[in-house]
PDB file of N, CA and C in Angstrom:
ATOM      1  N   MET A   1      47.410 -65.819-203.497  1.00  0.00           N
ATOM      2  CA  MET A   1      46.283 -66.259-202.713  1.00  0.00           C
ATOM      3  C   MET A   1      46.650 -66.150-201.242  1.00  0.00           C
ATOM      4  N   GLU A   2      45.944 -65.402-200.477  1.00  0.00           N
ATOM      5  CA  GLU A   2      46.184 -65.263-199.042  1.00  0.00           C
ATOM      6  C   GLU A   2      45.282 -66.252-198.324  1.00  0.00           C
ATOM      7  N   THR A   3      45.913 -67.191-197.619  1.00  0.00           N
ATOM      8  CA  THR A   3      45.147 -68.205-196.913  1.00  0.00           C
ATOM      9  C   THR A   3      45.541 -68.264-195.448  1.00  0.00           C
ATOM     10  N   GLY A   4      46.099 -67.213-194.909  1.00  0.00           N
ATOM     11  CA  GLY A   4      46.622 -67.226-193.553  1.00  0.00           C
ATOM     12  C   GLY A   4      45.680 -66.646-192.515  1.00  0.00           C
ATOM     13  N   ASP A   5      44.526 -67.223-192.315  1.00  0.00           N
ATOM     14  CA  ASP A   5      43.621 -66.735-191.275  1.00  0.00           C
ATOM     15  C   ASP A   5      43.911 -67.475-189.977  1.00  0.00           C
ATOM     16  N   HIS A   6      45.066 -67.162-189.391  1.00  0.00           N
ATOM     17  CA  HIS A   6      45.519 -67.865-188.209  1.00  0.00           C
ATOM     18  C   HIS A   6      45.508 -66.966-186.980  1.00  0.00           C
ATOM     19  N   ALA A   7      45.698 -67.593-185.829  1.00  0.00           N
ATOM     20  CA  ALA A   7      45.685 -66.870-184.562  1.00  0.00           C
ATOM     21  C   ALA A   7      46.926 -66.010-184.430  1.00  0.00           C
ATOM     22  N   SER A   8      46.833 -64.977-183.616  1.00  0.00           N
ATOM     23  CA  SER A   8      47.990 -64.124-183.374  1.00  0.00           C
ATOM     24  C   SER A   8      48.962 -64.837-182.449  1.00  0.00           C
ATOM     25  N   ALA A   9      50.197 -64.334-182.384  1.00  0.00           N
ATOM     26  CA  ALA A   9      51.238 -64.943-181.565  1.00  0.00           C
ATOM     27  C   ALA A   9      50.823 -65.037-180.109  1.00  0.00           C
ATOM     28  N   SER A  10      50.051 -64.082-179.632  1.00  0.00           N
ATOM     29  CA  SER A  10      49.642 -64.115-178.234  1.00  0.00           C
ATOM     30  C   SER A  10      48.633 -65.226-177.958  1.00  0.00           C
ATOM     31  N   GLU A  11      47.960 -65.731-178.976  1.00  0.00           N
ATOM     32  CA  GLU A  11      46.955 -66.765-178.796  1.00  0.00           C
ATOM     33  C   GLU A  11      47.510 -68.170-178.982  1.00  0.00           C
ATOM     34  N   SER A  12      48.620 -68.335-179.653  1.00  0.00           N
ATOM     35  CA  SER A  12      49.157 -69.654-179.949  1.00  0.00           C
ATOM     36  C   SER A  12      50.676 -69.658-179.819  1.00  0.00           C
ATOM     37  N   PRO A  13      51.211 -70.628-179.070  1.00  0.00           N
ATOM     38  CA  PRO A  13      52.668 -70.715-178.981  1.00  0.00           C
ATOM     39  C   PRO A  13      53.301 -71.056-180.332  1.00  0.00           C
ATOM     40  N   CYS A  14      52.524 -71.595-181.238  1.00  0.00           N
ATOM     41  CA  CYS A  14      53.045 -71.949-182.563  1.00  0.00           C
ATOM     42  C   CYS A  14      53.524 -70.718-183.329  1.00  0.00           C
ATOM     43  N   GLN A  15      52.895 -69.590-183.095  1.00  0.00           N
ATOM     44  CA  GLN A  15      53.238 -68.373-183.817  1.00  0.00           C
ATOM     45  C   GLN A  15      54.597 -67.810-183.415  1.00  0.00           C
ATOM     46  N   SER A  16      55.145 -68.276-182.298  1.00  0.00           N
ATOM     47  CA  SER A  16      56.484 -67.851-181.908  1.00  0.00           C
ATOM     48  C   SER A  16      57.459 -69.023-181.979  1.00  0.00           C
ATOM     49  N   CYS A  17      57.076 -70.089-182.657  1.00  0.00           N
ATOM     50  CA  CYS A  17      57.917 -71.282-182.723  1.00  0.00           C
ATOM     51  C   CYS A  17      58.199 -71.682-184.170  1.00  0.00           C
ATOM     52  N   GLY A  18      57.332 -72.487-184.754  1.00  0.00           N
ATOM     53  CA  GLY A  18      57.512 -72.950-186.125  1.00  0.00           C
ATOM     54  C   GLY A  18      58.465 -74.115-186.271  1.00  0.00           C
ATOM     55  N   ALA A  19      58.968 -74.657-185.162  1.00  0.00           N
ATOM     56  CA  ALA A  19      59.954 -75.739-185.224  1.00  0.00           C
ATOM     57  C   ALA A  19      59.432 -76.973-185.947  1.00  0.00           C
ATOM     58  N   CYS A  20      58.160 -77.305-185.757  1.00  0.00           N
ATOM     59  CA  CYS A  20      57.619 -78.490-186.418  1.00  0.00           C
ATOM     60  C   CYS A  20      57.595 -78.338-187.938  1.00  0.00           C
ATOM     61  N   CYS A  21      57.538 -77.111-188.407  1.00  0.00           N
ATOM     62  CA  CYS A  21      57.509 -76.835-189.846  1.00  0.00           C
ATOM     63  C   CYS A  21      58.916 -76.765-190.446  1.00  0.00           C
ATOM     64  N   ALA A  22      59.909 -76.928-189.606  1.00  0.00           N
ATOM     65  CA  ALA A  22      61.298 -76.881-190.064  1.00  0.00           C
ATOM     66  C   ALA A  22      62.077 -78.049-189.466  1.00  0.00           C
ATOM     67  N   TYR A  23      61.397 -79.164-189.274  1.00  0.00           N
ATOM     68  CA  TYR A  23      62.002 -80.325-188.625  1.00  0.00           C
ATOM     69  C   TYR A  23      62.657 -81.277-189.627  1.00  0.00           C
ATOM     70  N   SER A  24      61.959 -81.583-190.715  1.00  0.00           N
ATOM     71  CA  SER A  24      62.470 -82.565-191.677  1.00  0.00           C
ATOM     72  C   SER A  24      61.775 -82.392-193.012  1.00  0.00           C
ATOM     73  N   GLU A  25      62.528 -82.544-194.077  1.00  0.00           N
ATOM     74  CA  GLU A  25      61.913 -82.447-195.401  1.00  0.00           C
ATOM     75  C   GLU A  25      60.943 -83.593-195.661  1.00  0.00           C
ATOM     76  N   ASN A  26      61.011 -84.643-194.865  1.00  0.00           N
ATOM     77  CA  ASN A  26      60.115 -85.788-195.028  1.00  0.00           C
ATOM     78  C   ASN A  26      58.866 -85.704-194.163  1.00  0.00           C
ATOM     79  N   TRP A  27      58.797 -84.720-193.259  1.00  0.00           N
ATOM     80  CA  TRP A  27      57.676 -84.663-192.328  1.00  0.00           C
ATOM     81  C   TRP A  27      56.405 -84.068-192.926  1.00  0.00           C
ATOM     82  N   PRO A  28      56.459 -82.982-193.645  1.00  0.00           N
ATOM     83  CA  PRO A  28      55.166 -82.450-194.126  1.00  0.00           C
ATOM     84  C   PRO A  28      54.660 -83.236-195.342  1.00  0.00           C
ATOM     85  N   ARG A  29      54.304 -84.505-195.088  1.00  0.00           N
ATOM     86  CA  ARG A  29      53.862 -85.400-196.160  1.00  0.00           C
ATOM     87  C   ARG A  29      52.340 -85.451-196.217  1.00  0.00           C
ATOM     88  N   PHE A  30      51.849 -85.814-197.364  1.00  0.00           N
ATOM     89  CA  PHE A  30      50.410 -85.963-197.527  1.00  0.00           C
ATOM     90  C   PHE A  30      50.026 -87.384-197.113  1.00  0.00           C
ATOM     91  N   THR A  31      48.911 -87.526-196.419  1.00  0.00           N
ATOM     92  CA  THR A  31      48.500 -88.844-195.943  1.00  0.00           C
ATOM     93  C   THR A  31      47.038 -89.128-196.262  1.00  0.00           C
ATOM     94  N   THR A  32      46.141 -88.411-195.618  1.00  0.00           N
ATOM     95  CA  THR A  32      44.713 -88.723-195.752  1.00  0.00           C
ATOM     96  C   THR A  32      43.947 -87.734-196.619  1.00  0.00           C
ATOM     97  N   GLU A  33      44.637 -86.751-197.172  1.00  0.00           N
ATOM     98  CA  GLU A  33      43.957 -85.737-197.985  1.00  0.00           C
ATOM     99  C   GLU A  33      43.414 -86.364-199.272  1.00  0.00           C
ATOM    100  N   ASP A  34      42.255 -85.894-199.687  1.00  0.00           N
ATOM    101  CA  ASP A  34      41.743 -86.341-200.984  1.00  0.00           C
ATOM    102  C   ASP A  34      42.202 -85.347-202.059  1.00  0.00           C
ATOM    103  N   ASP A  35      41.964 -85.674-203.301  1.00  0.00           N
ATOM    104  CA  ASP A  35      42.431 -84.829-204.406  1.00  0.00           C
ATOM    105  C   ASP A  35      41.893 -83.410-204.324  1.00  0.00           C
ATOM    106  N   ALA A  36      40.649 -83.252-203.916  1.00  0.00           N
ATOM    107  CA  ALA A  36      40.058 -81.911-203.817  1.00  0.00           C
ATOM    108  C   ALA A  36      40.798 -81.066-202.779  1.00  0.00           C
ATOM    109  N   GLU A  37      41.171 -81.671-201.657  1.00  0.00           N
ATOM    110  CA  GLU A  37      41.918 -80.947-200.624  1.00  0.00           C
ATOM    111  C   GLU A  37      43.318 -80.593-201.114  1.00  0.00           C
ATOM    112  N   LEU A  38      43.966 -81.529-201.781  1.00  0.00           N
ATOM    113  CA  LEU A  38      45.321 -81.279-202.290  1.00  0.00           C
ATOM    114  C   LEU A  38      45.320 -80.208-203.368  1.00  0.00           C
ATOM    115  N   ASP A  39      44.267 -80.143-204.152  1.00  0.00           N
ATOM    116  CA  ASP A  39      44.174 -79.130-205.208  1.00  0.00           C
ATOM    117  C   ASP A  39      44.124 -77.709-204.653  1.00  0.00           C
ATOM    118  N   LEU A  40      43.758 -77.549-203.391  1.00  0.00           N
ATOM    119  CA  LEU A  40      43.701 -76.226-202.773  1.00  0.00           C
ATOM    120  C   LEU A  40      45.087 -75.695-202.393  1.00  0.00           C
ATOM    121  N   ILE A  41      46.060 -76.589-202.267  1.00  0.00           N
ATOM    122  CA  ILE A  41      47.418 -76.172-201.913  1.00  0.00           C
ATOM    123  C   ILE A  41      48.098 -75.653-203.180  1.00  0.00           C
ATOM    124  N   PRO A  42      48.578 -74.426-203.172  1.00  0.00           N
ATOM    125  CA  PRO A  42      49.244 -73.891-204.366  1.00  0.00           C
ATOM    126  C   PRO A  42      50.400 -74.793-204.799  1.00  0.00           C
ATOM    127  N   ALA A  43      50.484 -75.069-206.093  1.00  0.00           N
ATOM    128  CA  ALA A  43      51.465 -76.009-206.647  1.00  0.00           C
ATOM    129  C   ALA A  43      52.903 -75.659-206.265  1.00  0.00           C
ATOM    130  N   ARG A  44      53.213 -74.379-206.087  1.00  0.00           N
ATOM    131  CA  ARG A  44      54.589 -74.002-205.768  1.00  0.00           C
ATOM    132  C   ARG A  44      55.033 -74.513-204.394  1.00  0.00           C
ATOM    133  N   PHE A  45      54.092 -74.955-203.573  1.00  0.00           N
ATOM    134  CA  PHE A  45      54.417 -75.474-202.247  1.00  0.00           C
ATOM    135  C   PHE A  45      54.452 -77.003-202.190  1.00  0.00           C
ATOM    136  N   VAL A  46      54.151 -77.671-203.290  1.00  0.00           N
ATOM    137  CA  VAL A  46      54.095 -79.134-203.328  1.00  0.00           C
ATOM    138  C   VAL A  46      55.392 -79.673-203.925  1.00  0.00           C
ATOM    139  N   ASN A  47      55.922 -80.752-203.315  1.00  0.00           N
ATOM    140  CA  ASN A  47      57.194 -81.301-203.802  1.00  0.00           C
ATOM    141  C   ASN A  47      57.035 -81.963-205.170  1.00  0.00           C
ATOM    142  N   ALA A  48      58.166 -82.262-205.795  1.00  0.00           N
ATOM    143  CA  ALA A  48      58.175 -82.816-207.160  1.00  0.00           C
ATOM    144  C   ALA A  48      57.467 -84.165-207.241  1.00  0.00           C
ATOM    145  N   ARG A  49      57.523 -84.964-206.171  1.00  0.00           N
ATOM    146  CA  ARG A  49      56.857 -86.279-206.156  1.00  0.00           C
ATOM    147  C   ARG A  49      55.366 -86.161-205.863  1.00  0.00           C
ATOM    148  N   GLN A  50      54.931 -84.950-205.508  1.00  0.00           N
ATOM    149  CA  GLN A  50      53.539 -84.689-205.139  1.00  0.00           C
ATOM    150  C   GLN A  50      53.112 -85.535-203.940  1.00  0.00           C
ATOM    151  N   SER A  51      54.089 -85.812-203.059  1.00  0.00           N
ATOM    152  CA  SER A  51      53.830 -86.633-201.881  1.00  0.00           C
ATOM    153  C   SER A  51      53.784 -85.821-200.598  1.00  0.00           C
ATOM    154  N   GLY A  52      54.103 -84.540-200.696  1.00  0.00           N
ATOM    155  CA  GLY A  52      54.118 -83.691-199.518  1.00  0.00           C
ATOM    156  C   GLY A  52      54.485 -82.268-199.884  1.00  0.00           C
ATOM    157  N   MET A  53      54.733 -81.494-198.868  1.00  0.00           N
ATOM    158  CA  MET A  53      55.089 -80.093-199.066  1.00  0.00           C
ATOM    159  C   MET A  53      56.537 -79.977-199.549  1.00  0.00           C
ATOM    160  N   ARG A  54      56.797 -79.008-200.416  1.00  0.00           N
ATOM    161  CA  ARG A  54      58.153 -78.719-200.863  1.00  0.00           C
ATOM    162  C   ARG A  54      58.893 -78.073-199.703  1.00  0.00           C
ATOM    163  N   CYS A  55      60.124 -78.485-199.519  1.00  0.00           N
ATOM    164  CA  CYS A  55      60.932 -77.935-198.440  1.00  0.00           C
ATOM    165  C   CYS A  55      62.207 -77.321-198.996  1.00  0.00           C
ATOM    166  N   ASP A  56      62.695 -76.340-198.285  1.00  0.00           N
ATOM    167  CA  ASP A  56      64.000 -75.743-198.546  1.00  0.00           C
ATOM    168  C   ASP A  56      64.879 -76.261-197.418  1.00  0.00           C
ATOM    169  N   GLY A  57      65.654 -77.326-197.692  1.00  0.00           N
ATOM    170  CA  GLY A  57      66.344 -78.038-196.631  1.00  0.00           C
ATOM    171  C   GLY A  57      65.286 -78.767-195.820  1.00  0.00           C
ATOM    172  N   ASP A  58      65.271 -78.556-194.523  1.00  0.00           N
ATOM    173  CA  ASP A  58      64.261 -79.174-193.662  1.00  0.00           C
ATOM    174  C   ASP A  58      63.042 -78.283-193.446  1.00  0.00           C
ATOM    175  N   ARG A  59      63.076 -77.100-193.961  1.00  0.00           N
ATOM    176  CA  ARG A  59      62.029 -76.106-193.697  1.00  0.00           C
ATOM    177  C   ARG A  59      60.942 -76.137-194.777  1.00  0.00           C
ATOM    178  N   CYS A  60      59.693 -76.246-194.351  1.00  0.00           N
ATOM    179  CA  CYS A  60      58.563 -76.219-195.275  1.00  0.00           C
ATOM    180  C   CYS A  60      58.553 -74.885-196.012  1.00  0.00           C
ATOM    181  N   SER A  61      58.333 -74.938-197.303  1.00  0.00           N
ATOM    182  CA  SER A  61      58.347 -73.720-198.115  1.00  0.00           C
ATOM    183  C   SER A  61      57.189 -72.779-197.788  1.00  0.00           C
ATOM    184  N   ALA A  62      56.171 -73.262-197.101  1.00  0.00           N
ATOM    185  CA  ALA A  62      55.031 -72.406-196.736  1.00  0.00           C
ATOM    186  C   ALA A  62      55.241 -71.687-195.400  1.00  0.00           C
ATOM    187  N   LEU A  63      56.342 -72.005-194.710  1.00  0.00           N
ATOM    188  CA  LEU A  63      56.620 -71.359-193.428  1.00  0.00           C
ATOM    189  C   LEU A  63      57.240 -69.993-193.663  1.00  0.00           C
ATOM    190  N   SER A  64      56.681 -69.000-193.020  1.00  0.00           N
ATOM    191  CA  SER A  64      57.175 -67.629-193.100  1.00  0.00           C
ATOM    192  C   SER A  64      57.716 -67.233-191.731  1.00  0.00           C
ATOM    193  N   GLY A  65      58.761 -66.437-191.709  1.00  0.00           N
ATOM    194  CA  GLY A  65      59.295 -65.925-190.453  1.00  0.00           C
ATOM    195  C   GLY A  65      60.517 -66.681-189.966  1.00  0.00           C
ATOM    196  N   GLN A  66      60.906 -66.386-188.729  1.00  0.00           N
ATOM    197  CA  GLN A  66      62.101 -66.961-188.130  1.00  0.00           C
ATOM    198  C   GLN A  66      61.706 -67.953-187.039  1.00  0.00           C
ATOM    199  N   VAL A  67      62.164 -69.195-187.181  1.00  0.00           N
ATOM    200  CA  VAL A  67      61.864 -70.242-186.207  1.00  0.00           C
ATOM    201  C   VAL A  67      62.331 -69.803-184.824  1.00  0.00           C
ATOM    202  N   GLY A  68      61.466 -69.986-183.852  1.00  0.00           N
ATOM    203  CA  GLY A  68      61.770 -69.636-182.475  1.00  0.00           C
ATOM    204  C   GLY A  68      61.541 -68.183-182.132  1.00  0.00           C
ATOM    205  N   VAL A  69      61.180 -67.384-183.121  1.00  0.00           N
ATOM    206  CA  VAL A  69      60.956 -65.954-182.893  1.00  0.00           C
ATOM    207  C   VAL A  69      59.517 -65.591-183.251  1.00  0.00           C
ATOM    208  N   GLU A  70      59.201 -65.638-184.527  1.00  0.00           N
ATOM    209  CA  GLU A  70      57.851 -65.345-185.005  1.00  0.00           C
ATOM    210  C   GLU A  70      57.665 -66.023-186.348  1.00  0.00           C
ATOM    211  N   THR A  71      56.650 -66.864-186.447  1.00  0.00           N
ATOM    212  CA  THR A  71      56.401 -67.606-187.678  1.00  0.00           C
ATOM    213  C   THR A  71      54.917 -67.625-188.008  1.00  0.00           C
ATOM    214  N   SER A  72      54.634 -67.976-189.246  1.00  0.00           N
ATOM    215  CA  SER A  72      53.260 -68.214-189.664  1.00  0.00           C
ATOM    216  C   SER A  72      53.278 -69.129-190.871  1.00  0.00           C
ATOM    217  N   CYS A  73      52.155 -69.760-191.120  1.00  0.00           N
ATOM    218  CA  CYS A  73      51.990 -70.620-192.280  1.00  0.00           C
ATOM    219  C   CYS A  73      51.264 -69.821-193.352  1.00  0.00           C
ATOM    220  N   THR A  74      51.870 -69.727-194.512  1.00  0.00           N
ATOM    221  CA  THR A  74      51.266 -68.926-195.577  1.00  0.00           C
ATOM    222  C   THR A  74      50.068 -69.617-196.228  1.00  0.00           C
ATOM    223  N   ILE A  75      49.867 -70.905-195.915  1.00  0.00           N
ATOM    224  CA  ILE A  75      48.707 -71.631-196.456  1.00  0.00           C
ATOM    225  C   ILE A  75      47.889 -72.257-195.329  1.00  0.00           C
ATOM    226  N   TYR A  76      47.872 -71.630-194.176  1.00  0.00           N
ATOM    227  CA  TYR A  76      47.261 -72.178-192.973  1.00  0.00           C
ATOM    228  C   TYR A  76      45.872 -72.775-193.223  1.00  0.00           C
ATOM    229  N   ALA A  77      45.026 -72.102-193.907  1.00  0.00           N
ATOM    230  CA  ALA A  77      43.645 -72.569-194.109  1.00  0.00           C
ATOM    231  C   ALA A  77      43.568 -73.848-194.940  1.00  0.00           C
ATOM    232  N   VAL A  78      44.567 -74.122-195.751  1.00  0.00           N
ATOM    233  CA  VAL A  78      44.542 -75.310-196.617  1.00  0.00           C
ATOM    234  C   VAL A  78      45.713 -76.255-196.336  1.00  0.00           C
ATOM    235  N   ARG A  79      46.353 -76.116-195.173  1.00  0.00           N
ATOM    236  CA  ARG A  79      47.511 -76.936-194.823  1.00  0.00           C
ATOM    237  C   ARG A  79      47.137 -78.416-194.776  1.00  0.00           C
ATOM    238  N   PRO A  80      48.119 -79.310-194.994  1.00  0.00           N
ATOM    239  CA  PRO A  80      47.852 -80.753-194.979  1.00  0.00           C
ATOM    240  C   PRO A  80      47.445 -81.258-193.593  1.00  0.00           C
ATOM    241  N   GLU A  81      46.884 -82.442-193.578  1.00  0.00           N
ATOM    242  CA  GLU A  81      46.409 -83.059-192.332  1.00  0.00           C
ATOM    243  C   GLU A  81      47.531 -83.221-191.304  1.00  0.00           C
ATOM    244  N   VAL A  82      48.724 -83.599-191.735  1.00  0.00           N
ATOM    245  CA  VAL A  82      49.832 -83.784-190.792  1.00  0.00           C
ATOM    246  C   VAL A  82      50.106 -82.492-190.025  1.00  0.00           C
ATOM    247  N   CYS A  83      49.911 -81.368-190.662  1.00  0.00           N
ATOM    248  CA  CYS A  83      50.103 -80.076-190.008  1.00  0.00           C
ATOM    249  C   CYS A  83      48.965 -79.777-189.035  1.00  0.00           C
ATOM    250  N   ARG A  84      47.792 -80.245-189.361  1.00  0.00           N
ATOM    251  CA  ARG A  84      46.627 -80.014-188.502  1.00  0.00           C
ATOM    252  C   ARG A  84      46.680 -80.852-187.224  1.00  0.00           C
ATOM    253  N   THR A  85      47.322 -82.013-187.292  1.00  0.00           N
ATOM    254  CA  THR A  85      47.327 -82.907-186.141  1.00  0.00           C
ATOM    255  C   THR A  85      48.460 -82.625-185.160  1.00  0.00           C
ATOM    256  N   CYS A  86      49.479 -81.916-185.563  1.00  0.00           N
ATOM    257  CA  CYS A  86      50.566 -81.561-184.649  1.00  0.00           C
ATOM    258  C   CYS A  86      50.044 -80.486-183.700  1.00  0.00           C
ATOM    259  N   MET A  87      50.135 -80.763-182.413  1.00  0.00           N
ATOM    260  CA  MET A  87      49.594 -79.860-181.405  1.00  0.00           C
ATOM    261  C   MET A  87      50.702 -79.345-180.489  1.00  0.00           C
ATOM    262  N   PRO A  88      50.558 -78.121-179.989  1.00  0.00           N
ATOM    263  CA  PRO A  88      51.548 -77.581-179.063  1.00  0.00           C
ATOM    264  C   PRO A  88      51.762 -78.516-177.876  1.00  0.00           C
ATOM    265  N   GLY A  89      53.022 -78.898-177.654  1.00  0.00           N
ATOM    266  CA  GLY A  89      53.372 -79.736-176.518  1.00  0.00           C
ATOM    267  C   GLY A  89      53.287 -81.232-176.750  1.00  0.00           C
ATOM    268  N   ASP A  90      52.786 -81.680-177.925  1.00  0.00           N
ATOM    269  CA  ASP A  90      52.722 -83.124-178.157  1.00  0.00           C
ATOM    270  C   ASP A  90      54.115 -83.667-178.492  1.00  0.00           C
ATOM    271  N   ALA A  91      54.227 -84.971-178.682  1.00  0.00           N
ATOM    272  CA  ALA A  91      55.534 -85.603-178.894  1.00  0.00           C
ATOM    273  C   ALA A  91      56.281 -85.015-180.097  1.00  0.00           C
ATOM    274  N   GLU A  92      55.568 -84.753-181.177  1.00  0.00           N
ATOM    275  CA  GLU A  92      56.201 -84.183-182.360  1.00  0.00           C
ATOM    276  C   GLU A  92      56.713 -82.775-182.088  1.00  0.00           C
ATOM    277  N   CYS A  93      55.919 -82.001-181.357  1.00  0.00           N
ATOM    278  CA  CYS A  93      56.302 -80.641-180.983  1.00  0.00           C
ATOM    279  C   CYS A  93      57.573 -80.666-180.132  1.00  0.00           C
ATOM    280  N   VAL A  94      57.594 -81.524-179.125  1.00  0.00           N
ATOM    281  CA  VAL A  94      58.756 -81.628-178.233  1.00  0.00           C
ATOM    282  C   VAL A  94      60.003 -81.996-179.033  1.00  0.00           C
ATOM    283  N   MET A  95      59.872 -82.965-179.931  1.00  0.00           N
ATOM    284  CA  MET A  95      61.001 -83.410-180.743  1.00  0.00           C
ATOM    285  C   MET A  95      61.517 -82.279-181.640  1.00  0.00           C
ATOM    286  N   ALA A  96      60.611 -81.559-182.277  1.00  0.00           N
ATOM    287  CA  ALA A  96      61.003 -80.468-183.170  1.00  0.00           C
ATOM    288  C   ALA A  96      61.642 -79.324-182.388  1.00  0.00           C
ATOM    289  N   ARG A  97      61.060 -78.965-181.260  1.00  0.00           N
ATOM    290  CA  ARG A  97      61.620 -77.888-180.439  1.00  0.00           C
ATOM    291  C   ARG A  97      63.013 -78.268-179.942  1.00  0.00           C
ATOM    292  N   ARG A  98      63.209 -79.532-179.581  1.00  0.00           N
ATOM    293  CA  ARG A  98      64.515 -79.992-179.122  1.00  0.00           C
ATOM    294  C   ARG A  98      65.555 -79.819-180.244  1.00  0.00           C
ATOM    295  N   LYS A  99      65.188 -80.177-181.464  1.00  0.00           N
ATOM    296  CA  LYS A  99      66.114 -80.037-182.600  1.00  0.00           C
ATOM    297  C   LYS A  99      66.578 -78.590-182.752  1.00  0.00           C
ATOM    298  N   TRP A 100      65.678 -77.656-182.511  1.00  0.00           N
ATOM    299  CA  TRP A 100      65.981 -76.230-182.664  1.00  0.00           C
ATOM    300  C   TRP A 100      66.551 -75.608-181.393  1.00  0.00           C
ATOM    301  N   GLY A 101      66.736 -76.419-180.331  1.00  0.00           N
ATOM    302  CA  GLY A 101      67.265 -75.898-179.089  1.00  0.00           C
ATOM    303  C   GLY A 101      66.287 -75.033-178.316  1.00  0.00           C
ATOM    304  N   LEU A 102      64.996 -75.260-178.553  1.00  0.00           N
ATOM    305  CA  LEU A 102      63.945 -74.501-177.861  1.00  0.00           C
ATOM    306  C   LEU A 102      63.447 -75.310-176.670  1.00  0.00           C
ATOM    307  N   PRO A 103      63.118 -74.670-175.572  1.00  0.00           N
ATOM    308  CA  PRO A 103      62.629 -75.404-174.405  1.00  0.00           C
ATOM    309  C   PRO A 103      61.238 -75.979-174.662  1.00  0.00           C
ATOM    310  N   PRO A 104      60.879 -77.061-173.951  1.00  0.00           N
ATOM    311  CA  PRO A 104      59.527 -77.606-174.094  1.00  0.00           C
ATOM    312  C   PRO A 104      58.501 -76.568-173.647  1.00  0.00           C
ATOM    313  N   LEU A 105      57.302 -76.686-174.170  1.00  0.00           N
ATOM    314  CA  LEU A 105      56.221 -75.793-173.751  1.00  0.00           C
ATOM    315  C   LEU A 105      55.739 -76.208-172.372  1.00  0.00           C
ATOM    316  N   ASP A 106      55.340 -75.238-171.570  1.00  0.00           N
ATOM    317  CA  ASP A 106      54.814 -75.545-170.225  1.00  0.00           C
ATOM    318  C   ASP A 106      53.409 -76.021-170.300  1.00  0.00           C
TER     319      ASP A 106
END
């Protein structure tokens, strides 16, 4: 299932970052999604507790590409609410970029 109708790297700093998607295995958790929304996320990306996204180490399993170079979300259109609320340059973004040794966004 291709669900990646996202902006190009030139339109979003997120496409050349991805740090927030590789910050912590506990971060991409489900919070306000209802069952219908969660059912849209392919099961292979959901953790065993069904409480959030499955991660490989700290990296979300739906993240494609190299952090800090070029990334994309393979389930962008159906990503969880926590992913939708993280914005370029917000506190979470700054914290994640710092972990990866990336400079803050201007």
